[in-house]
Amino acid sequence: MRIVSASQEIVVRDVRPGDLDRLHEINAANVPEVGDVDRRRLRFLVDESAIALVVQVGEAIGDVVAGFCLVLPLGSSYDSVNYRWFSDRYDDVMYLDRVAFDVPYRRRGLGTMLYRAVERRVAEAGVPAIGLEVNADPPNPPSLAFHERLGYREVGRQDTPYGIVVSMMRKEVGANVPT
């Protein structure tokens, strides 16, 4: 997906091998909203992902990876308790493991753009739903509101071994995914 604004070009594209250092940097800046991972673990997650996307923003001194997401199919060897929660309950879902943006690129509509691209890709793969979790206790009100606005609905809650209660959310996707 490519959008050109008056000031810059915005592209949603597949993750490339050279993106890993930048993804790790963005991920680290977003802990605890996303899980902390080292480079090796992040490489594993990228490799396991059915969908791995970045949002690239054209800037005066070059294109910048502003954010990314990783979406895992069922059947992965990923050991996340939240991934396993969906795997144990559903056979028709892809798991949106992590979404993270660098601070200057938040609240600019890029997350919505990225989610729409993910929803299209999941629907094109013939998978009818996306599952994900959002911190419920301690709460993450902006993330909960964002996901609810996009049509994600709570289908359960889970206590995690790292001391957070998460809202397990799901969205049905299909041929009518907004652009």
N, C-alpha and C. Protein backbone atom coordinates (compact mmCIF):
# COMPACT_ATOMS: atom_id res chain seq x y z
N MET A 1 0.84 -1.16 0.00
CA MET A 1 0.00 0.00 0.00
C MET A 1 0.89 1.23 0.00
N ARG A 2 0.55 2.21 -0.81
CA ARG A 2 1.36 3.43 -0.92
C ARG A 2 0.41 4.63 -0.86
N ILE A 3 0.73 5.58 0.01
CA ILE A 3 -0.04 6.81 0.13
C ILE A 3 0.95 7.96 0.03
N VAL A 4 0.59 8.97 -0.73
CA VAL A 4 1.45 10.14 -0.85
C VAL A 4 0.68 11.32 -0.27
N SER A 5 1.25 11.95 0.73
CA SER A 5 0.65 13.15 1.29
C SER A 5 1.40 14.36 0.73
N ALA A 6 0.96 15.52 1.11
CA ALA A 6 1.61 16.73 0.62
C ALA A 6 3.07 16.80 1.05
N SER A 7 3.39 16.22 2.21
CA SER A 7 4.74 16.37 2.73
C SER A 7 5.60 15.11 2.63
N GLN A 8 4.99 13.93 2.50
CA GLN A 8 5.80 12.73 2.49
C GLN A 8 5.03 11.53 1.96
N GLU A 9 5.79 10.56 1.50
CA GLU A 9 5.22 9.32 1.02
C GLU A 9 5.21 8.31 2.17
N ILE A 10 4.12 7.55 2.27
CA ILE A 10 3.99 6.52 3.31
C ILE A 10 3.73 5.20 2.60
N VAL A 11 4.53 4.19 2.93
CA VAL A 11 4.42 2.89 2.29
C VAL A 11 4.30 1.81 3.36
N VAL A 12 3.35 0.90 3.17
CA VAL A 12 3.30 -0.32 3.98
C VAL A 12 3.88 -1.41 3.10
N ARG A 13 4.95 -2.04 3.58
CA ARG A 13 5.64 -3.05 2.77
C ARG A 13 6.05 -4.22 3.66
N ASP A 14 6.47 -5.30 3.02
CA ASP A 14 6.97 -6.46 3.74
C ASP A 14 8.29 -6.12 4.42
N VAL A 15 8.51 -6.76 5.57
CA VAL A 15 9.79 -6.63 6.27
C VAL A 15 10.89 -7.19 5.38
N ARG A 16 12.04 -6.51 5.36
CA ARG A 16 13.22 -6.95 4.63
C ARG A 16 14.30 -7.35 5.65
N PRO A 17 15.24 -8.20 5.24
CA PRO A 17 16.30 -8.61 6.18
C PRO A 17 17.05 -7.44 6.82
N GLY A 18 17.27 -6.37 6.08
CA GLY A 18 17.99 -5.22 6.61
C GLY A 18 17.20 -4.39 7.61
N ASP A 19 15.93 -4.72 7.82
CA ASP A 19 15.08 -3.97 8.75
C ASP A 19 15.24 -4.42 10.20
N LEU A 20 15.86 -5.56 10.44
CA LEU A 20 15.84 -6.17 11.78
C LEU A 20 16.36 -5.25 12.88
N ASP A 21 17.46 -4.56 12.66
CA ASP A 21 17.99 -3.68 13.70
C ASP A 21 16.99 -2.58 14.05
N ARG A 22 16.36 -2.01 13.04
CA ARG A 22 15.37 -0.95 13.29
C ARG A 22 14.15 -1.51 14.01
N LEU A 23 13.70 -2.70 13.64
CA LEU A 23 12.56 -3.31 14.31
C LEU A 23 12.89 -3.55 15.78
N HIS A 24 14.09 -4.02 16.04
CA HIS A 24 14.51 -4.27 17.42
C HIS A 24 14.52 -2.97 18.22
N GLU A 25 15.01 -1.91 17.62
CA GLU A 25 15.04 -0.59 18.28
C GLU A 25 13.63 -0.12 18.61
N ILE A 26 12.71 -0.23 17.65
CA ILE A 26 11.33 0.19 17.87
C ILE A 26 10.67 -0.69 18.93
N ASN A 27 10.89 -1.99 18.85
CA ASN A 27 10.31 -2.91 19.83
C ASN A 27 10.78 -2.53 21.24
N ALA A 28 12.08 -2.32 21.42
CA ALA A 28 12.63 -1.99 22.74
C ALA A 28 12.03 -0.70 23.30
N ALA A 29 11.75 0.26 22.43
CA ALA A 29 11.17 1.53 22.87
C ALA A 29 9.70 1.40 23.25
N ASN A 30 9.08 0.26 22.93
CA ASN A 30 7.65 0.06 23.20
C ASN A 30 7.37 -0.94 24.31
N VAL A 31 8.41 -1.40 25.02
CA VAL A 31 8.21 -2.28 26.16
C VAL A 31 7.69 -1.41 27.31
N PRO A 32 6.65 -1.75 28.05
CA PRO A 32 6.04 -3.06 28.20
C PRO A 32 4.81 -3.29 27.32
N GLU A 33 4.42 -2.30 26.48
CA GLU A 33 3.24 -2.51 25.64
C GLU A 33 3.41 -3.71 24.71
N VAL A 34 4.64 -3.95 24.28
CA VAL A 34 4.97 -5.19 23.57
C VAL A 34 6.04 -5.90 24.38
N GLY A 35 6.13 -7.20 24.21
CA GLY A 35 7.11 -7.97 24.97
C GLY A 35 8.53 -7.65 24.56
N ASP A 36 9.42 -7.66 25.55
CA ASP A 36 10.84 -7.43 25.31
C ASP A 36 11.44 -8.67 24.65
N VAL A 37 12.17 -8.48 23.58
CA VAL A 37 12.84 -9.59 22.88
C VAL A 37 14.24 -9.17 22.48
N ASP A 38 15.14 -10.14 22.45
CA ASP A 38 16.47 -9.85 21.91
C ASP A 38 16.43 -10.03 20.39
N ARG A 39 17.52 -9.72 19.71
CA ARG A 39 17.54 -9.79 18.23
C ARG A 39 17.26 -11.20 17.73
N ARG A 40 17.81 -12.20 18.40
CA ARG A 40 17.60 -13.59 17.97
C ARG A 40 16.13 -13.97 18.05
N ARG A 41 15.49 -13.59 19.14
CA ARG A 41 14.06 -13.90 19.31
C ARG A 41 13.23 -13.12 18.30
N LEU A 42 13.59 -11.87 18.04
CA LEU A 42 12.86 -11.08 17.05
C LEU A 42 13.01 -11.70 15.66
N ARG A 43 14.21 -12.15 15.31
CA ARG A 43 14.43 -12.81 14.01
C ARG A 43 13.54 -14.06 13.92
N PHE A 44 13.45 -14.84 15.00
CA PHE A 44 12.58 -16.01 15.04
C PHE A 44 11.14 -15.60 14.76
N LEU A 45 10.66 -14.55 15.41
CA LEU A 45 9.27 -14.11 15.22
C LEU A 45 9.02 -13.65 13.79
N VAL A 46 9.96 -12.92 13.23
CA VAL A 46 9.81 -12.49 11.83
C VAL A 46 9.75 -13.72 10.93
N ASP A 47 10.64 -14.68 11.16
CA ASP A 47 10.67 -15.89 10.33
C ASP A 47 9.40 -16.72 10.47
N GLU A 48 8.81 -16.75 11.66
CA GLU A 48 7.59 -17.51 11.90
C GLU A 48 6.34 -16.82 11.36
N SER A 49 6.43 -15.53 11.11
CA SER A 49 5.26 -14.73 10.73
C SER A 49 4.78 -15.05 9.32
N ALA A 50 3.47 -15.15 9.18
CA ALA A 50 2.85 -15.26 7.87
C ALA A 50 2.79 -13.88 7.21
N ILE A 51 2.70 -12.86 8.06
CA ILE A 51 2.64 -11.47 7.60
C ILE A 51 3.59 -10.68 8.49
N ALA A 52 4.55 -10.00 7.89
CA ALA A 52 5.48 -9.15 8.62
C ALA A 52 5.61 -7.86 7.82
N LEU A 53 5.06 -6.79 8.35
CA LEU A 53 4.99 -5.53 7.61
C LEU A 53 5.66 -4.39 8.36
N VAL A 54 6.15 -3.42 7.60
CA VAL A 54 6.63 -2.16 8.17
C VAL A 54 5.87 -1.02 7.53
N VAL A 55 5.80 0.09 8.27
CA VAL A 55 5.33 1.35 7.71
C VAL A 55 6.57 2.18 7.51
N GLN A 56 6.81 2.54 6.26
CA GLN A 56 7.99 3.33 5.88
C GLN A 56 7.51 4.72 5.50
N VAL A 57 8.14 5.73 6.09
CA VAL A 57 7.75 7.12 5.87
C VAL A 57 8.90 7.83 5.19
N GLY A 58 8.60 8.48 4.09
CA GLY A 58 9.62 9.27 3.40
C GLY A 58 9.93 10.53 4.19
N GLU A 59 11.18 10.75 4.48
CA GLU A 59 11.63 11.92 5.23
C GLU A 59 12.66 12.66 4.39
N ALA A 60 13.02 13.83 4.82
CA ALA A 60 13.95 14.67 4.05
C ALA A 60 15.30 13.98 3.84
N ILE A 61 15.78 13.22 4.82
CA ILE A 61 17.08 12.58 4.67
C ILE A 61 16.97 11.10 4.35
N GLY A 62 15.83 10.64 3.93
CA GLY A 62 15.68 9.24 3.56
C GLY A 62 14.46 8.61 4.19
N ASP A 63 14.14 7.45 3.72
CA ASP A 63 12.97 6.74 4.24
C ASP A 63 13.28 6.16 5.61
N VAL A 64 12.29 6.25 6.48
CA VAL A 64 12.41 5.79 7.86
C VAL A 64 11.37 4.72 8.12
N VAL A 65 11.77 3.60 8.72
CA VAL A 65 10.80 2.61 9.19
C VAL A 65 10.22 3.19 10.47
N ALA A 66 8.94 3.54 10.42
CA ALA A 66 8.26 4.20 11.53
C ALA A 66 7.63 3.20 12.49
N GLY A 67 7.27 2.02 11.98
CA GLY A 67 6.60 1.03 12.80
C GLY A 67 6.54 -0.29 12.08
N PHE A 68 6.06 -1.32 12.81
CA PHE A 68 5.98 -2.65 12.22
C PHE A 68 4.94 -3.49 12.92
N CYS A 69 4.60 -4.61 12.29
CA CYS A 69 3.73 -5.60 12.92
C CYS A 69 4.13 -6.99 12.46
N LEU A 70 3.83 -7.97 13.31
CA LEU A 70 4.10 -9.38 13.00
C LEU A 70 2.83 -10.17 13.27
N VAL A 71 2.45 -11.01 12.30
CA VAL A 71 1.23 -11.80 12.39
C VAL A 71 1.59 -13.26 12.15
N LEU A 72 1.27 -14.10 13.13
CA LEU A 72 1.64 -15.51 13.07
C LEU A 72 0.45 -16.39 12.72
N PRO A 73 0.70 -17.41 11.90
CA PRO A 73 -0.36 -18.37 11.59
C PRO A 73 -0.46 -19.40 12.72
N LEU A 74 -1.56 -20.11 12.75
CA LEU A 74 -1.65 -21.24 13.66
C LEU A 74 -0.65 -22.30 13.22
N GLY A 75 -0.17 -23.10 14.17
CA GLY A 75 0.79 -24.14 13.84
C GLY A 75 2.23 -23.74 14.04
N SER A 76 2.48 -22.53 14.51
CA SER A 76 3.84 -22.08 14.78
C SER A 76 4.36 -22.75 16.06
N SER A 77 5.67 -22.78 16.19
CA SER A 77 6.27 -23.28 17.43
C SER A 77 6.44 -22.15 18.45
N TYR A 78 5.87 -20.99 18.18
CA TYR A 78 5.94 -19.84 19.08
C TYR A 78 5.36 -20.23 20.44
N ASP A 79 6.06 -19.89 21.51
CA ASP A 79 5.67 -20.33 22.85
C ASP A 79 4.97 -19.27 23.69
N SER A 80 4.50 -18.21 23.09
CA SER A 80 3.78 -17.16 23.81
C SER A 80 2.49 -17.72 24.41
N VAL A 81 2.23 -17.39 25.68
CA VAL A 81 0.99 -17.86 26.31
C VAL A 81 -0.24 -17.27 25.62
N ASN A 82 -0.11 -16.06 25.10
CA ASN A 82 -1.25 -15.43 24.43
C ASN A 82 -1.50 -16.07 23.06
N TYR A 83 -0.43 -16.37 22.34
CA TYR A 83 -0.56 -17.10 21.07
C TYR A 83 -1.21 -18.46 21.33
N ARG A 84 -0.73 -19.14 22.36
CA ARG A 84 -1.27 -20.47 22.70
C ARG A 84 -2.75 -20.39 23.08
N TRP A 85 -3.16 -19.30 23.74
CA TRP A 85 -4.56 -19.14 24.12
C TRP A 85 -5.44 -19.19 22.87
N PHE A 86 -5.05 -18.46 21.83
CA PHE A 86 -5.82 -18.48 20.58
C PHE A 86 -5.69 -19.84 19.89
N SER A 87 -4.50 -20.41 19.87
CA SER A 87 -4.29 -21.71 19.22
C SER A 87 -5.14 -22.81 19.85
N ASP A 88 -5.32 -22.74 21.17
CA ASP A 88 -6.10 -23.75 21.89
C ASP A 88 -7.60 -23.61 21.67
N ARG A 89 -8.05 -22.44 21.25
CA ARG A 89 -9.49 -22.18 21.15
C ARG A 89 -10.03 -22.03 19.74
N TYR A 90 -9.17 -21.71 18.80
CA TYR A 90 -9.63 -21.40 17.44
C TYR A 90 -8.79 -22.13 16.41
N ASP A 91 -9.44 -22.45 15.29
CA ASP A 91 -8.70 -23.01 14.16
C ASP A 91 -8.84 -22.13 12.93
N ASP A 92 -9.35 -20.91 13.13
CA ASP A 92 -9.65 -20.02 12.01
C ASP A 92 -9.14 -18.60 12.25
N VAL A 93 -7.95 -18.48 12.82
CA VAL A 93 -7.46 -17.16 13.20
C VAL A 93 -5.96 -17.05 12.92
N MET A 94 -5.52 -15.84 12.58
CA MET A 94 -4.10 -15.52 12.60
C MET A 94 -3.90 -14.61 13.80
N TYR A 95 -2.74 -14.73 14.42
CA TYR A 95 -2.46 -14.02 15.66
C TYR A 95 -1.57 -12.81 15.41
N LEU A 96 -2.10 -11.63 15.69
CA LEU A 96 -1.34 -10.39 15.55
C LEU A 96 -0.51 -10.23 16.82
N ASP A 97 0.75 -10.62 16.73
CA ASP A 97 1.61 -10.72 17.91
C ASP A 97 2.07 -9.38 18.43
N ARG A 98 2.55 -8.53 17.57
CA ARG A 98 3.04 -7.25 18.05
C ARG A 98 2.91 -6.18 16.98
N VAL A 99 2.59 -4.98 17.47
CA VAL A 99 2.54 -3.78 16.64
C VAL A 99 3.27 -2.72 17.45
N ALA A 100 4.21 -2.04 16.82
CA ALA A 100 4.96 -1.01 17.54
C ALA A 100 5.34 0.10 16.58
N PHE A 101 5.28 1.33 17.09
CA PHE A 101 5.67 2.51 16.32
C PHE A 101 6.66 3.34 17.12
N ASP A 102 7.60 3.96 16.42
CA ASP A 102 8.52 4.90 17.02
C ASP A 102 7.69 6.11 17.49
N VAL A 103 8.08 6.70 18.61
CA VAL A 103 7.30 7.76 19.25
C VAL A 103 6.88 8.89 18.29
N PRO A 104 7.76 9.43 17.45
CA PRO A 104 7.33 10.56 16.60
C PRO A 104 6.24 10.20 15.58
N TYR A 105 5.99 8.92 15.38
CA TYR A 105 5.04 8.50 14.35
C TYR A 105 3.72 8.01 14.92
N ARG A 106 3.53 8.13 16.22
CA ARG A 106 2.28 7.72 16.84
C ARG A 106 1.23 8.80 16.65
N ARG A 107 -0.02 8.35 16.66
CA ARG A 107 -1.18 9.25 16.56
C ARG A 107 -1.20 10.06 15.27
N ARG A 108 -0.75 9.41 14.19
CA ARG A 108 -0.75 10.06 12.88
C ARG A 108 -1.56 9.25 11.86
N GLY A 109 -2.32 8.26 12.34
CA GLY A 109 -3.13 7.44 11.44
C GLY A 109 -2.39 6.27 10.84
N LEU A 110 -1.12 6.12 11.17
CA LEU A 110 -0.32 5.05 10.58
C LEU A 110 -0.72 3.67 11.11
N GLY A 111 -1.12 3.61 12.38
CA GLY A 111 -1.57 2.34 12.94
C GLY A 111 -2.81 1.83 12.24
N THR A 112 -3.77 2.71 12.01
CA THR A 112 -4.98 2.32 11.29
C THR A 112 -4.63 1.82 9.89
N MET A 113 -3.73 2.53 9.22
CA MET A 113 -3.29 2.11 7.89
C MET A 113 -2.66 0.72 7.94
N LEU A 114 -1.82 0.49 8.93
CA LEU A 114 -1.16 -0.80 9.07
C LEU A 114 -2.17 -1.92 9.35
N TYR A 115 -3.11 -1.67 10.25
CA TYR A 115 -4.13 -2.68 10.56
C TYR A 115 -4.98 -3.01 9.34
N ARG A 116 -5.32 -2.01 8.55
CA ARG A 116 -6.11 -2.27 7.33
C ARG A 116 -5.32 -3.16 6.37
N ALA A 117 -4.03 -2.92 6.25
CA ALA A 117 -3.19 -3.77 5.39
C ALA A 117 -3.15 -5.20 5.91
N VAL A 118 -3.03 -5.36 7.23
CA VAL A 118 -3.03 -6.70 7.84
C VAL A 118 -4.37 -7.39 7.58
N GLU A 119 -5.45 -6.68 7.80
CA GLU A 119 -6.78 -7.27 7.60
C GLU A 119 -6.96 -7.74 6.16
N ARG A 120 -6.50 -6.95 5.20
CA ARG A 120 -6.59 -7.36 3.79
C ARG A 120 -5.76 -8.61 3.54
N ARG A 121 -4.54 -8.64 4.06
CA ARG A 121 -3.67 -9.81 3.84
C ARG A 121 -4.25 -11.07 4.48
N VAL A 122 -4.78 -10.94 5.68
CA VAL A 122 -5.38 -12.10 6.35
C VAL A 122 -6.58 -12.60 5.55
N ALA A 123 -7.43 -11.69 5.11
CA ALA A 123 -8.60 -12.08 4.31
C ALA A 123 -8.16 -12.72 2.99
N GLU A 124 -7.14 -12.16 2.34
CA GLU A 124 -6.64 -12.72 1.08
C GLU A 124 -6.07 -14.12 1.29
N ALA A 125 -5.57 -14.41 2.48
CA ALA A 125 -5.03 -15.74 2.80
C ALA A 125 -6.15 -16.74 3.09
N GLY A 126 -7.40 -16.25 3.10
CA GLY A 126 -8.53 -17.13 3.35
C GLY A 126 -8.78 -17.43 4.82
N VAL A 127 -8.15 -16.66 5.69
CA VAL A 127 -8.36 -16.83 7.13
C VAL A 127 -9.42 -15.82 7.57
N PRO A 128 -10.46 -16.28 8.27
CA PRO A 128 -11.57 -15.38 8.56
C PRO A 128 -11.42 -14.44 9.75
N ALA A 129 -10.35 -14.58 10.56
CA ALA A 129 -10.30 -13.74 11.75
C ALA A 129 -8.86 -13.46 12.19
N ILE A 130 -8.74 -12.39 12.97
CA ILE A 130 -7.48 -12.00 13.59
C ILE A 130 -7.69 -12.01 15.10
N GLY A 131 -6.73 -12.56 15.82
CA GLY A 131 -6.76 -12.53 17.27
C GLY A 131 -5.56 -11.75 17.79
N LEU A 132 -5.73 -11.09 18.92
CA LEU A 132 -4.67 -10.32 19.55
C LEU A 132 -5.02 -10.09 21.01
N GLU A 133 -4.07 -9.56 21.77
CA GLU A 133 -4.37 -9.20 23.14
C GLU A 133 -3.95 -7.77 23.41
N VAL A 134 -4.64 -7.16 24.38
CA VAL A 134 -4.34 -5.81 24.83
C VAL A 134 -4.32 -5.84 26.35
N ASN A 135 -3.37 -5.14 26.96
CA ASN A 135 -3.29 -5.10 28.41
C ASN A 135 -4.58 -4.53 29.00
N ALA A 136 -5.18 -5.31 29.93
CA ALA A 136 -6.41 -4.89 30.59
C ALA A 136 -6.16 -4.49 32.05
N ASP A 137 -5.15 -5.10 32.70
CA ASP A 137 -4.82 -4.77 34.08
C ASP A 137 -3.33 -5.00 34.30
N PRO A 138 -2.51 -3.95 34.36
CA PRO A 138 -2.95 -2.57 34.27
C PRO A 138 -3.48 -2.25 32.88
N PRO A 139 -4.49 -1.40 32.84
CA PRO A 139 -5.15 -1.15 31.56
C PRO A 139 -4.32 -0.29 30.62
N ASN A 140 -4.58 -0.48 29.33
CA ASN A 140 -4.01 0.36 28.28
C ASN A 140 -5.19 0.98 27.54
N PRO A 141 -5.82 2.02 28.13
CA PRO A 141 -7.04 2.60 27.54
C PRO A 141 -6.91 3.05 26.09
N PRO A 142 -5.79 3.70 25.69
CA PRO A 142 -5.71 4.09 24.28
C PRO A 142 -5.74 2.88 23.34
N SER A 143 -5.04 1.81 23.70
CA SER A 143 -5.01 0.63 22.84
C SER A 143 -6.37 -0.07 22.83
N LEU A 144 -7.01 -0.18 23.98
CA LEU A 144 -8.34 -0.79 24.03
C LEU A 144 -9.32 -0.01 23.16
N ALA A 145 -9.31 1.32 23.27
CA ALA A 145 -10.21 2.16 22.47
C ALA A 145 -9.90 2.04 20.98
N PHE A 146 -8.62 2.03 20.62
CA PHE A 146 -8.22 1.89 19.22
C PHE A 146 -8.75 0.59 18.64
N HIS A 147 -8.53 -0.52 19.34
CA HIS A 147 -8.96 -1.82 18.82
C HIS A 147 -10.48 -1.93 18.75
N GLU A 148 -11.17 -1.41 19.74
CA GLU A 148 -12.63 -1.43 19.70
C GLU A 148 -13.15 -0.60 18.53
N ARG A 149 -12.53 0.55 18.29
CA ARG A 149 -12.93 1.40 17.15
C ARG A 149 -12.77 0.67 15.82
N LEU A 150 -11.74 -0.19 15.73
CA LEU A 150 -11.50 -0.94 14.50
C LEU A 150 -12.33 -2.22 14.40
N GLY A 151 -13.14 -2.50 15.43
CA GLY A 151 -14.04 -3.66 15.35
C GLY A 151 -13.55 -4.90 16.07
N TYR A 152 -12.50 -4.81 16.86
CA TYR A 152 -12.04 -5.95 17.65
C TYR A 152 -12.90 -6.04 18.90
N ARG A 153 -13.29 -7.26 19.25
CA ARG A 153 -14.16 -7.50 20.40
C ARG A 153 -13.52 -8.49 21.35
N GLU A 154 -13.68 -8.24 22.64
CA GLU A 154 -13.12 -9.14 23.65
C GLU A 154 -13.84 -10.49 23.59
N VAL A 155 -13.03 -11.56 23.57
CA VAL A 155 -13.55 -12.93 23.57
C VAL A 155 -13.08 -13.70 24.80
N GLY A 156 -12.34 -13.02 25.67
CA GLY A 156 -11.87 -13.64 26.90
C GLY A 156 -10.82 -12.78 27.56
N ARG A 157 -10.41 -13.23 28.74
CA ARG A 157 -9.32 -12.57 29.47
C ARG A 157 -8.36 -13.63 29.95
N GLN A 158 -7.12 -13.24 30.15
CA GLN A 158 -6.12 -14.20 30.60
C GLN A 158 -5.15 -13.53 31.56
N ASP A 159 -4.87 -14.23 32.66
CA ASP A 159 -3.77 -13.84 33.54
C ASP A 159 -2.48 -14.35 32.89
N THR A 160 -1.46 -13.52 32.86
CA THR A 160 -0.20 -13.93 32.24
C THR A 160 0.84 -14.22 33.32
N PRO A 161 1.86 -15.01 32.98
CA PRO A 161 2.92 -15.29 33.94
C PRO A 161 3.77 -14.07 34.27
N TYR A 162 3.64 -13.00 33.49
CA TYR A 162 4.40 -11.79 33.75
C TYR A 162 3.58 -10.74 34.50
N GLY A 163 2.46 -11.17 35.11
CA GLY A 163 1.72 -10.33 36.04
C GLY A 163 0.72 -9.36 35.44
N ILE A 164 0.38 -9.51 34.18
CA ILE A 164 -0.58 -8.63 33.52
C ILE A 164 -1.80 -9.45 33.12
N VAL A 165 -2.99 -8.85 33.27
CA VAL A 165 -4.20 -9.46 32.74
C VAL A 165 -4.42 -8.85 31.36
N VAL A 166 -4.66 -9.71 30.38
CA VAL A 166 -4.86 -9.22 29.02
C VAL A 166 -6.27 -9.51 28.54
N SER A 167 -6.77 -8.61 27.74
CA SER A 167 -8.04 -8.78 27.04
C SER A 167 -7.74 -9.47 25.72
N MET A 168 -8.31 -10.65 25.53
CA MET A 168 -8.13 -11.39 24.28
C MET A 168 -9.19 -10.89 23.31
N MET A 169 -8.75 -10.35 22.18
CA MET A 169 -9.67 -9.72 21.24
C MET A 169 -9.60 -10.41 19.88
N ARG A 170 -10.73 -10.36 19.18
CA ARG A 170 -10.85 -11.02 17.89
C ARG A 170 -11.66 -10.13 16.95
N LYS A 171 -11.30 -10.18 15.67
CA LYS A 171 -12.05 -9.48 14.64
C LYS A 171 -12.23 -10.39 13.45
N GLU A 172 -13.45 -10.45 12.96
CA GLU A 172 -13.74 -11.19 11.74
C GLU A 172 -13.33 -10.30 10.57
N VAL A 173 -12.65 -10.89 9.60
CA VAL A 173 -12.26 -10.16 8.39
C VAL A 173 -12.80 -10.93 7.20
N GLY A 174 -12.91 -10.25 6.09
CA GLY A 174 -13.43 -10.91 4.90
C GLY A 174 -13.25 -10.04 3.69
N ALA A 175 -14.06 -10.28 2.71
CA ALA A 175 -13.94 -9.58 1.42
C ALA A 175 -14.20 -8.10 1.53
N ASN A 176 -14.89 -7.63 2.56
CA ASN A 176 -15.25 -6.22 2.66
C ASN A 176 -14.35 -5.44 3.61
N VAL A 177 -13.09 -5.79 3.68
CA VAL A 177 -12.15 -5.08 4.55
C VAL A 177 -11.94 -3.67 3.98
N PRO A 178 -12.09 -2.63 4.81
CA PRO A 178 -11.90 -1.25 4.33
C PRO A 178 -10.48 -1.03 3.81
N THR A 179 -10.36 -0.11 2.87
CA THR A 179 -9.04 0.25 2.36
C THR A 179 -8.50 1.45 3.09
